[in-house]
């Protein structure tokens, strides 16, 4: 299994899209990140390519369903109370 670098991006204020980075080239899948992950990376076919410098990077999942945080210092903080 090879490592794959995914990127959420937009071009010229267009809709968010998911791509696969290959060095300085982004292979545009034409899908959103959630759709790409649901379909499976192996089944996604790139519809175009863009230079990495030409895309605007976005958060990995632009619309997360939930955000989870872990407090590494929780025990020390609780002891201070």
Protein backbone atom coordinates (compact mmCIF):
# COMPACT_ATOMS: atom_id res chain seq x y z
CA UNK A 1 0.00 0.00 0.00
CA UNK A 2 1.40 3.38 -0.97
CA UNK A 3 1.07 6.58 1.02
CA UNK A 4 -1.34 9.12 -0.48
CA UNK A 5 -1.52 12.82 0.30
CA UNK A 6 -4.99 14.28 0.09
CA UNK A 7 -5.80 17.97 -0.14
CA UNK A 8 -8.99 20.01 0.08
CA UNK A 9 -8.70 23.05 -2.14
CA UNK A 10 -10.47 25.58 -4.29
CA UNK A 11 -9.60 27.38 -7.47
CA UNK A 12 -10.67 30.97 -8.18
CA UNK A 13 -13.34 31.07 -5.43
CA UNK A 14 -14.92 27.89 -6.81
CA UNK A 15 -16.44 25.15 -4.64
CA UNK A 16 -14.24 23.12 -2.28
CA UNK A 17 -12.82 20.02 -3.96
CA UNK A 18 -10.65 17.11 -2.98
CA UNK A 19 -7.45 16.22 -4.74
CA UNK A 20 -4.52 13.86 -4.56
CA UNK A 21 -1.10 15.50 -4.31
CA UNK A 22 1.72 14.10 -6.38
CA UNK A 23 4.71 16.31 -5.73
CA UNK A 24 3.82 19.75 -7.04
CA UNK A 25 0.78 18.51 -8.99
CA UNK A 26 -2.76 18.24 -7.57
CA UNK A 27 -4.96 15.66 -9.29
CA UNK A 28 -8.48 17.09 -9.04
CA UNK A 29 -11.12 14.42 -8.36
CA UNK A 30 -14.05 16.80 -8.88
CA UNK A 31 -15.47 15.55 -5.56
CA UNK A 32 -15.72 17.02 -2.09
CA UNK A 33 -13.53 15.43 0.58
CA UNK A 34 -16.42 13.58 2.24
CA UNK A 35 -17.50 12.15 -1.13
CA UNK A 36 -13.94 11.14 -1.98
CA UNK A 37 -13.50 9.34 1.33
CA UNK A 38 -16.91 7.64 1.01
CA UNK A 39 -16.20 6.47 -2.54
CA UNK A 40 -12.66 5.38 -1.77
CA UNK A 41 -9.42 6.85 -3.02
CA UNK A 42 -8.70 3.87 -5.25
CA UNK A 43 -12.00 4.34 -7.09
CA UNK A 44 -11.67 8.11 -7.65
CA UNK A 45 -10.55 9.16 -11.12
CA UNK A 46 -8.90 12.55 -11.56
CA UNK A 47 -10.74 14.89 -13.93
CA UNK A 48 -7.92 17.44 -14.24
CA UNK A 49 -4.54 18.49 -12.87
CA UNK A 50 -3.38 21.76 -11.34
CA UNK A 51 0.01 23.05 -10.21
CA UNK A 52 0.16 23.00 -6.41
CA UNK A 53 0.89 26.74 -6.40
CA UNK A 54 -2.35 27.46 -8.33
CA UNK A 55 -4.75 26.03 -5.74
CA UNK A 56 -5.95 27.60 -2.48
CA UNK A 57 -5.55 25.01 0.32
CA UNK A 58 -8.53 24.52 2.63
CA UNK A 59 -8.99 22.59 5.89
CA UNK A 60 -8.71 18.83 5.30
CA UNK A 61 -12.42 18.36 5.97
CA UNK A 62 -14.03 21.79 5.38
CA UNK A 63 -17.31 20.87 7.10
CA UNK A 64 -16.57 18.48 9.97
CA UNK A 65 -19.57 16.88 11.67
CA UNK A 66 -17.91 17.26 15.05
CA UNK A 67 -14.62 18.43 16.47
CA UNK A 68 -13.03 16.46 19.28
CA UNK A 69 -10.31 17.82 21.52
CA UNK A 70 -8.14 16.06 24.04
CA UNK A 71 -6.74 17.93 27.02
CA UNK A 72 -3.24 16.65 27.63
CA UNK A 73 -2.95 18.50 30.94
CA UNK A 74 -6.40 17.62 32.27
CA UNK A 75 -5.13 15.79 35.35
CA UNK A 76 -2.86 18.70 36.36
CA UNK A 77 -5.62 21.22 35.69
CA UNK A 78 -8.12 19.23 37.78
CA UNK A 79 -5.61 19.05 40.66
CA UNK A 80 -5.32 22.86 40.61
CA UNK A 81 -9.06 23.21 41.27
